[in-house]
Amino acid sequence: MRAVLQRVTEACVSTDGAEIARIGAGLLALVGVGGDDTEQDADYMAGKIAAMRIFEDADGRMNLSAGDIGGSILLVSQFTLYGDCRKGRRPSFTSAADPARAEALYERLAEGIRSRGLAVETGRFQAMMQVALVNDGPVTLLLDSAKRF
């Protein structure tokens, strides 16, 4: 499972011209599910996203998590994180999980973050979405559950 985390002051996602989710300060997580991902990958990512200390404390150091600042998480599914661009000019998405499996793990990820006490908003799985955000910092990090060992 891969995620692009962005520290935001606000973010929202729309589909079909209607806003479906919005958060204030917190994290926007663009999430891709790989074909080999398991429930353990979703659980690992939930813990990692919920606990990432990338918000500034009183001394200006990245020492606080989204929960510490009362922030929220906006999860947006993005299978293109598994796009392989090594050959040709069009990415291959053969490493991405099939939609049914990906949705189940995406939902497990959302529930895992909620179970840690954070408010979670989500995009609409498999929909064309427009994401708007104000990146704070900017702070952008990459997480990959396959690289946790």
N, C-alpha and C. Protein backbone atom coordinates (compact mmCIF):
# COMPACT_ATOMS: atom_id res chain seq x y z
N MET A 1 0.86 -1.16 0.00
CA MET A 1 0.00 0.00 0.00
C MET A 1 0.91 1.22 0.00
N ARG A 2 0.54 2.18 -0.82
CA ARG A 2 1.31 3.41 -0.92
C ARG A 2 0.43 4.60 -0.57
N ALA A 3 1.06 5.62 0.00
CA ALA A 3 0.34 6.85 0.31
C ALA A 3 1.25 8.04 0.10
N VAL A 4 0.67 9.07 -0.46
CA VAL A 4 1.30 10.38 -0.53
C VAL A 4 0.58 11.21 0.52
N LEU A 5 1.31 11.61 1.56
CA LEU A 5 0.74 12.41 2.65
C LEU A 5 1.10 13.87 2.44
N GLN A 6 0.10 14.72 2.56
CA GLN A 6 0.34 16.15 2.48
C GLN A 6 -0.26 16.82 3.71
N ARG A 7 0.58 17.58 4.40
CA ARG A 7 0.09 18.35 5.53
C ARG A 7 -0.67 19.54 4.96
N VAL A 8 -1.92 19.71 5.39
CA VAL A 8 -2.77 20.73 4.80
C VAL A 8 -3.41 21.61 5.88
N THR A 9 -3.74 22.83 5.48
CA THR A 9 -4.56 23.69 6.33
C THR A 9 -6.03 23.46 6.02
N GLU A 10 -6.30 22.96 4.79
CA GLU A 10 -7.63 22.54 4.39
C GLU A 10 -7.53 21.73 3.11
N ALA A 11 -8.52 20.86 2.90
CA ALA A 11 -8.58 20.07 1.68
C ALA A 11 -10.01 19.62 1.46
N CYS A 12 -10.37 19.45 0.20
CA CYS A 12 -11.70 18.94 -0.11
C CYS A 12 -11.63 18.12 -1.38
N VAL A 13 -12.64 17.28 -1.56
CA VAL A 13 -12.74 16.46 -2.75
C VAL A 13 -14.17 16.56 -3.29
N SER A 14 -14.25 16.67 -4.61
CA SER A 14 -15.54 16.78 -5.29
C SER A 14 -15.63 15.74 -6.39
N THR A 15 -16.85 15.38 -6.72
CA THR A 15 -17.09 14.51 -7.86
C THR A 15 -18.43 14.93 -8.47
N ASP A 16 -18.52 14.85 -9.77
CA ASP A 16 -19.73 15.26 -10.50
C ASP A 16 -20.18 16.66 -10.10
N GLY A 17 -19.22 17.56 -9.84
CA GLY A 17 -19.52 18.94 -9.52
C GLY A 17 -19.99 19.19 -8.10
N ALA A 18 -20.03 18.16 -7.27
CA ALA A 18 -20.50 18.32 -5.89
C ALA A 18 -19.40 17.95 -4.91
N GLU A 19 -19.21 18.80 -3.91
CA GLU A 19 -18.24 18.50 -2.87
C GLU A 19 -18.76 17.35 -2.02
N ILE A 20 -17.90 16.34 -1.80
CA ILE A 20 -18.34 15.18 -1.02
C ILE A 20 -17.59 15.03 0.31
N ALA A 21 -16.47 15.74 0.45
CA ALA A 21 -15.73 15.67 1.71
C ALA A 21 -14.86 16.89 1.85
N ARG A 22 -14.67 17.33 3.09
CA ARG A 22 -13.83 18.50 3.39
C ARG A 22 -13.24 18.34 4.78
N ILE A 23 -11.98 18.76 4.92
CA ILE A 23 -11.35 18.83 6.24
C ILE A 23 -10.67 20.18 6.39
N GLY A 24 -10.42 20.55 7.64
CA GLY A 24 -9.58 21.70 7.94
C GLY A 24 -8.15 21.22 8.07
N ALA A 25 -7.46 21.67 9.08
CA ALA A 25 -6.07 21.27 9.29
C ALA A 25 -5.97 19.76 9.48
N GLY A 26 -4.97 19.18 8.87
CA GLY A 26 -4.76 17.74 9.00
C GLY A 26 -3.93 17.20 7.86
N LEU A 27 -4.27 16.00 7.43
CA LEU A 27 -3.53 15.32 6.37
C LEU A 27 -4.44 14.92 5.23
N LEU A 28 -3.98 15.18 4.02
CA LEU A 28 -4.58 14.60 2.82
C LEU A 28 -3.72 13.40 2.48
N ALA A 29 -4.34 12.23 2.37
CA ALA A 29 -3.60 11.02 2.02
C ALA A 29 -4.16 10.46 0.73
N LEU A 30 -3.35 10.50 -0.32
CA LEU A 30 -3.68 9.85 -1.58
C LEU A 30 -3.19 8.42 -1.44
N VAL A 31 -4.08 7.45 -1.59
CA VAL A 31 -3.78 6.06 -1.23
C VAL A 31 -3.96 5.13 -2.41
N GLY A 32 -2.93 4.33 -2.67
CA GLY A 32 -3.00 3.29 -3.69
C GLY A 32 -2.82 1.93 -3.04
N VAL A 33 -3.55 0.94 -3.55
CA VAL A 33 -3.48 -0.42 -3.03
C VAL A 33 -2.85 -1.32 -4.10
N GLY A 34 -1.82 -2.04 -3.69
CA GLY A 34 -1.12 -2.93 -4.61
C GLY A 34 -1.73 -4.33 -4.62
N GLY A 35 -1.46 -5.05 -5.67
CA GLY A 35 -2.01 -6.39 -5.84
C GLY A 35 -1.60 -7.37 -4.77
N ASP A 36 -0.46 -7.15 -4.14
CA ASP A 36 0.03 -8.06 -3.10
C ASP A 36 -0.30 -7.58 -1.70
N ASP A 37 -1.01 -6.47 -1.58
CA ASP A 37 -1.30 -5.92 -0.26
C ASP A 37 -2.29 -6.79 0.51
N THR A 38 -2.14 -6.77 1.84
CA THR A 38 -2.97 -7.56 2.73
C THR A 38 -3.57 -6.66 3.81
N GLU A 39 -4.36 -7.26 4.68
CA GLU A 39 -4.93 -6.53 5.81
C GLU A 39 -3.82 -5.97 6.69
N GLN A 40 -2.70 -6.68 6.79
CA GLN A 40 -1.58 -6.20 7.60
C GLN A 40 -1.00 -4.91 7.03
N ASP A 41 -0.99 -4.78 5.71
CA ASP A 41 -0.52 -3.54 5.09
C ASP A 41 -1.44 -2.38 5.45
N ALA A 42 -2.75 -2.61 5.39
CA ALA A 42 -3.71 -1.56 5.74
C ALA A 42 -3.58 -1.18 7.21
N ASP A 43 -3.40 -2.16 8.08
CA ASP A 43 -3.25 -1.88 9.51
C ASP A 43 -1.97 -1.09 9.79
N TYR A 44 -0.89 -1.49 9.14
CA TYR A 44 0.38 -0.77 9.28
C TYR A 44 0.22 0.69 8.85
N MET A 45 -0.39 0.89 7.68
CA MET A 45 -0.55 2.25 7.16
C MET A 45 -1.46 3.08 8.05
N ALA A 46 -2.50 2.48 8.61
CA ALA A 46 -3.40 3.21 9.51
C ALA A 46 -2.61 3.74 10.71
N GLY A 47 -1.80 2.88 11.30
CA GLY A 47 -1.00 3.30 12.44
C GLY A 47 0.01 4.37 12.07
N LYS A 48 0.62 4.20 10.93
CA LYS A 48 1.64 5.15 10.49
C LYS A 48 1.03 6.52 10.20
N ILE A 49 -0.07 6.54 9.44
CA ILE A 49 -0.71 7.82 9.10
C ILE A 49 -1.22 8.52 10.35
N ALA A 50 -1.84 7.79 11.23
CA ALA A 50 -2.41 8.38 12.45
C ALA A 50 -1.32 8.95 13.36
N ALA A 51 -0.15 8.35 13.36
CA ALA A 51 0.88 8.74 14.32
C ALA A 51 1.99 9.63 13.75
N MET A 52 1.96 9.90 12.45
CA MET A 52 3.04 10.71 11.86
C MET A 52 3.14 12.07 12.54
N ARG A 53 4.32 12.35 13.08
CA ARG A 53 4.55 13.61 13.80
C ARG A 53 5.14 14.63 12.83
N ILE A 54 4.26 15.28 12.07
CA ILE A 54 4.72 16.23 11.06
C ILE A 54 4.09 17.62 11.23
N PHE A 55 3.48 17.84 12.38
CA PHE A 55 2.94 19.17 12.69
C PHE A 55 3.85 19.82 13.72
N GLU A 56 4.00 21.13 13.61
CA GLU A 56 4.94 21.84 14.45
C GLU A 56 4.44 22.00 15.88
N ASP A 57 5.38 21.85 16.82
CA ASP A 57 5.10 22.12 18.23
C ASP A 57 5.41 23.60 18.51
N ALA A 58 5.36 23.98 19.77
CA ALA A 58 5.59 25.38 20.16
C ALA A 58 6.99 25.87 19.80
N ASP A 59 7.93 24.94 19.64
CA ASP A 59 9.30 25.30 19.28
C ASP A 59 9.55 25.25 17.77
N GLY A 60 8.50 25.01 17.00
CA GLY A 60 8.64 24.96 15.55
C GLY A 60 9.19 23.66 15.00
N ARG A 61 9.24 22.62 15.84
CA ARG A 61 9.74 21.31 15.41
C ARG A 61 8.57 20.41 15.02
N MET A 62 8.80 19.56 14.04
CA MET A 62 7.79 18.58 13.67
C MET A 62 7.73 17.52 14.76
N ASN A 63 6.81 17.70 15.69
CA ASN A 63 6.72 16.83 16.85
C ASN A 63 5.30 16.36 17.14
N LEU A 64 4.32 16.89 16.42
CA LEU A 64 2.92 16.59 16.74
C LEU A 64 2.25 15.83 15.61
N SER A 65 1.34 14.96 15.98
CA SER A 65 0.56 14.20 15.00
C SER A 65 -0.73 14.95 14.69
N ALA A 66 -1.47 14.47 13.71
CA ALA A 66 -2.77 15.07 13.39
C ALA A 66 -3.69 15.03 14.61
N GLY A 67 -3.67 13.95 15.34
CA GLY A 67 -4.49 13.84 16.55
C GLY A 67 -4.10 14.84 17.61
N ASP A 68 -2.80 15.09 17.73
CA ASP A 68 -2.31 16.05 18.73
C ASP A 68 -2.83 17.46 18.47
N ILE A 69 -3.05 17.80 17.20
CA ILE A 69 -3.50 19.16 16.88
C ILE A 69 -5.02 19.22 16.67
N GLY A 70 -5.70 18.08 16.88
CA GLY A 70 -7.14 18.04 16.64
C GLY A 70 -7.48 18.05 15.17
N GLY A 71 -6.55 17.55 14.35
CA GLY A 71 -6.73 17.55 12.90
C GLY A 71 -7.49 16.34 12.40
N SER A 72 -7.80 16.36 11.11
CA SER A 72 -8.54 15.30 10.44
C SER A 72 -7.71 14.71 9.31
N ILE A 73 -8.21 13.61 8.78
CA ILE A 73 -7.57 12.94 7.65
C ILE A 73 -8.56 12.88 6.50
N LEU A 74 -8.11 13.24 5.31
CA LEU A 74 -8.91 13.06 4.10
C LEU A 74 -8.21 12.00 3.27
N LEU A 75 -8.87 10.83 3.12
CA LEU A 75 -8.33 9.73 2.31
C LEU A 75 -8.96 9.77 0.93
N VAL A 76 -8.10 9.71 -0.08
CA VAL A 76 -8.56 9.70 -1.47
C VAL A 76 -7.88 8.53 -2.16
N SER A 77 -8.66 7.61 -2.71
CA SER A 77 -8.08 6.46 -3.40
C SER A 77 -7.44 6.93 -4.70
N GLN A 78 -6.27 6.37 -5.00
CA GLN A 78 -5.55 6.76 -6.20
C GLN A 78 -4.71 5.59 -6.70
N PHE A 79 -5.33 4.76 -7.53
CA PHE A 79 -4.63 3.57 -8.03
C PHE A 79 -3.42 3.94 -8.87
N THR A 80 -3.36 5.17 -9.38
CA THR A 80 -2.24 5.56 -10.22
C THR A 80 -0.91 5.59 -9.46
N LEU A 81 -0.96 5.49 -8.14
CA LEU A 81 0.29 5.39 -7.38
C LEU A 81 1.03 4.09 -7.71
N TYR A 82 0.34 3.16 -8.33
CA TYR A 82 0.97 1.92 -8.78
C TYR A 82 1.25 1.92 -10.27
N GLY A 83 1.23 3.10 -10.88
CA GLY A 83 1.57 3.20 -12.30
C GLY A 83 3.06 2.96 -12.50
N ASP A 84 3.39 2.10 -13.45
CA ASP A 84 4.77 1.79 -13.78
C ASP A 84 5.09 2.50 -15.10
N CYS A 85 6.00 3.45 -15.04
CA CYS A 85 6.31 4.28 -16.21
C CYS A 85 7.67 3.94 -16.83
N ARG A 86 8.20 2.79 -16.50
CA ARG A 86 9.54 2.45 -16.98
C ARG A 86 9.60 2.17 -18.46
N LYS A 87 8.53 1.65 -19.03
CA LYS A 87 8.55 1.30 -20.45
C LYS A 87 7.50 2.11 -21.20
N GLY A 88 7.86 2.54 -22.39
CA GLY A 88 6.91 3.24 -23.24
C GLY A 88 6.51 4.60 -22.70
N ARG A 89 5.37 5.08 -23.19
CA ARG A 89 4.89 6.41 -22.82
C ARG A 89 3.58 6.40 -22.07
N ARG A 90 3.03 5.21 -21.89
CA ARG A 90 1.77 5.09 -21.13
C ARG A 90 2.02 4.18 -19.94
N PRO A 91 1.61 4.63 -18.74
CA PRO A 91 1.87 3.80 -17.56
C PRO A 91 1.09 2.48 -17.59
N SER A 92 1.69 1.49 -16.98
CA SER A 92 1.04 0.21 -16.78
C SER A 92 0.55 0.15 -15.33
N PHE A 93 -0.65 -0.35 -15.14
CA PHE A 93 -1.22 -0.42 -13.79
C PHE A 93 -1.42 -1.87 -13.33
N THR A 94 -0.64 -2.78 -13.88
CA THR A 94 -0.80 -4.19 -13.55
C THR A 94 -0.44 -4.50 -12.10
N SER A 95 0.30 -3.63 -11.43
CA SER A 95 0.66 -3.87 -10.04
C SER A 95 -0.42 -3.42 -9.05
N ALA A 96 -1.41 -2.69 -9.54
CA ALA A 96 -2.50 -2.23 -8.67
C ALA A 96 -3.43 -3.40 -8.36
N ALA A 97 -4.03 -3.36 -7.18
CA ALA A 97 -4.99 -4.40 -6.79
C ALA A 97 -6.26 -4.30 -7.62
N ASP A 98 -6.97 -5.42 -7.76
CA ASP A 98 -8.27 -5.37 -8.44
C ASP A 98 -9.21 -4.51 -7.60
N PRO A 99 -10.18 -3.87 -8.23
CA PRO A 99 -11.02 -2.90 -7.52
C PRO A 99 -11.71 -3.42 -6.26
N ALA A 100 -12.23 -4.62 -6.28
CA ALA A 100 -12.94 -5.14 -5.09
C ALA A 100 -11.98 -5.29 -3.92
N ARG A 101 -10.82 -5.84 -4.16
CA ARG A 101 -9.82 -6.02 -3.11
C ARG A 101 -9.30 -4.67 -2.63
N ALA A 102 -9.04 -3.77 -3.56
CA ALA A 102 -8.54 -2.45 -3.21
C ALA A 102 -9.54 -1.69 -2.34
N GLU A 103 -10.81 -1.76 -2.69
CA GLU A 103 -11.82 -1.04 -1.91
C GLU A 103 -11.91 -1.59 -0.49
N ALA A 104 -11.84 -2.90 -0.35
CA ALA A 104 -11.91 -3.51 0.98
C ALA A 104 -10.73 -3.05 1.85
N LEU A 105 -9.54 -3.00 1.28
CA LEU A 105 -8.37 -2.58 2.06
C LEU A 105 -8.38 -1.07 2.31
N TYR A 106 -8.90 -0.30 1.38
CA TYR A 106 -9.05 1.15 1.56
C TYR A 106 -10.02 1.43 2.72
N GLU A 107 -11.12 0.69 2.76
CA GLU A 107 -12.08 0.85 3.85
C GLU A 107 -11.47 0.41 5.19
N ARG A 108 -10.69 -0.66 5.15
CA ARG A 108 -10.02 -1.10 6.39
C ARG A 108 -9.06 -0.03 6.88
N LEU A 109 -8.34 0.60 5.96
CA LEU A 109 -7.44 1.68 6.32
C LEU A 109 -8.22 2.82 6.99
N ALA A 110 -9.31 3.24 6.40
CA ALA A 110 -10.12 4.32 6.98
C ALA A 110 -10.60 3.96 8.38
N GLU A 111 -11.10 2.74 8.55
CA GLU A 111 -11.57 2.31 9.87
C GLU A 111 -10.43 2.21 10.87
N GLY A 112 -9.25 1.80 10.40
CA GLY A 112 -8.09 1.71 11.28
C GLY A 112 -7.67 3.07 11.80
N ILE A 113 -7.76 4.09 10.97
CA ILE A 113 -7.42 5.44 11.41
C ILE A 113 -8.50 5.95 12.37
N ARG A 114 -9.77 5.71 12.03
CA ARG A 114 -10.87 6.13 12.92
C ARG A 114 -10.74 5.47 14.29
N SER A 115 -10.33 4.21 14.31
CA SER A 115 -10.21 3.50 15.59
C SER A 115 -9.13 4.09 16.48
N ARG A 116 -8.28 4.91 15.90
CA ARG A 116 -7.23 5.58 16.67
C ARG A 116 -7.67 6.99 17.08
N GLY A 117 -8.96 7.27 16.93
CA GLY A 117 -9.53 8.51 17.44
C GLY A 117 -9.52 9.70 16.50
N LEU A 118 -9.18 9.48 15.25
CA LEU A 118 -9.13 10.61 14.31
C LEU A 118 -10.38 10.66 13.44
N ALA A 119 -10.79 11.86 13.09
CA ALA A 119 -11.89 12.06 12.14
C ALA A 119 -11.35 11.78 10.75
N VAL A 120 -12.07 10.96 9.99
CA VAL A 120 -11.64 10.59 8.65
C VAL A 120 -12.76 10.88 7.67
N GLU A 121 -12.42 11.61 6.62
CA GLU A 121 -13.32 11.82 5.48
C GLU A 121 -12.72 11.06 4.31
N THR A 122 -13.55 10.67 3.36
CA THR A 122 -13.05 9.92 2.22
C THR A 122 -13.63 10.45 0.92
N GLY A 123 -12.88 10.19 -0.13
CA GLY A 123 -13.39 10.43 -1.47
C GLY A 123 -14.32 9.29 -1.84
N ARG A 124 -14.71 9.22 -3.09
CA ARG A 124 -15.58 8.15 -3.57
C ARG A 124 -14.74 7.18 -4.39
N PHE A 125 -14.70 5.95 -3.93
CA PHE A 125 -13.87 4.93 -4.56
C PHE A 125 -14.27 4.75 -6.02
N GLN A 126 -13.29 4.69 -6.91
CA GLN A 126 -13.42 4.51 -8.35
C GLN A 126 -14.13 5.64 -9.08
N ALA A 127 -14.27 6.77 -8.44
CA ALA A 127 -14.90 7.92 -9.11
C ALA A 127 -13.83 8.86 -9.63
N MET A 128 -14.17 9.61 -10.66
CA MET A 128 -13.32 10.72 -11.09
C MET A 128 -13.53 11.83 -10.07
N MET A 129 -12.46 12.29 -9.47
CA MET A 129 -12.57 13.27 -8.40
C MET A 129 -11.66 14.47 -8.68
N GLN A 130 -12.05 15.59 -8.12
CA GLN A 130 -11.22 16.77 -8.13
C GLN A 130 -10.84 17.05 -6.67
N VAL A 131 -9.55 17.17 -6.44
CA VAL A 131 -9.05 17.38 -5.09
C VAL A 131 -8.44 18.78 -5.02
N ALA A 132 -8.87 19.54 -4.03
CA ALA A 132 -8.31 20.87 -3.79
C ALA A 132 -7.70 20.89 -2.40
N LEU A 133 -6.54 21.53 -2.28
CA LEU A 133 -5.87 21.54 -0.99
C LEU A 133 -5.01 22.77 -0.85
N VAL A 134 -4.74 23.12 0.38
CA VAL A 134 -3.74 24.12 0.70
C VAL A 134 -2.66 23.38 1.46
N ASN A 135 -1.56 23.09 0.77
CA ASN A 135 -0.45 22.34 1.35
C ASN A 135 0.27 23.27 2.32
N ASP A 136 0.46 22.81 3.53
CA ASP A 136 1.05 23.61 4.61
C ASP A 136 2.52 23.26 4.74
N GLY A 137 3.37 24.18 4.40
CA GLY A 137 4.81 23.96 4.54
C GLY A 137 5.57 24.40 3.30
N PRO A 138 5.48 23.70 2.21
CA PRO A 138 4.75 22.45 2.00
C PRO A 138 5.46 21.26 2.65
N VAL A 139 4.65 20.35 3.15
CA VAL A 139 5.15 19.09 3.70
C VAL A 139 4.46 17.97 2.94
N THR A 140 5.23 17.17 2.22
CA THR A 140 4.71 16.04 1.47
C THR A 140 5.65 14.86 1.70
N LEU A 141 5.05 13.72 2.09
CA LEU A 141 5.83 12.52 2.39
C LEU A 141 5.26 11.32 1.65
N LEU A 142 6.13 10.36 1.37
CA LEU A 142 5.72 9.12 0.73
C LEU A 142 5.82 7.98 1.73
N LEU A 143 4.76 7.16 1.79
CA LEU A 143 4.77 5.95 2.61
C LEU A 143 4.53 4.76 1.71
N ASP A 144 5.20 3.66 2.00
CA ASP A 144 5.03 2.43 1.24
C ASP A 144 5.13 1.27 2.23
N SER A 145 4.04 0.54 2.41
CA SER A 145 4.04 -0.55 3.38
C SER A 145 5.02 -1.65 3.01
N ALA A 146 5.41 -1.75 1.75
CA ALA A 146 6.38 -2.77 1.35
C ALA A 146 7.78 -2.41 1.81
N LYS A 147 7.99 -1.17 2.21
CA LYS A 147 9.33 -0.73 2.63
C LYS A 147 9.41 -0.52 4.13
N ARG A 148 8.57 -1.23 4.89
CA ARG A 148 8.55 -1.02 6.33
C ARG A 148 9.59 -1.86 7.07
N PHE A 149 10.20 -2.80 6.43
CA PHE A 149 11.15 -3.69 7.10
C PHE A 149 12.57 -3.27 6.88
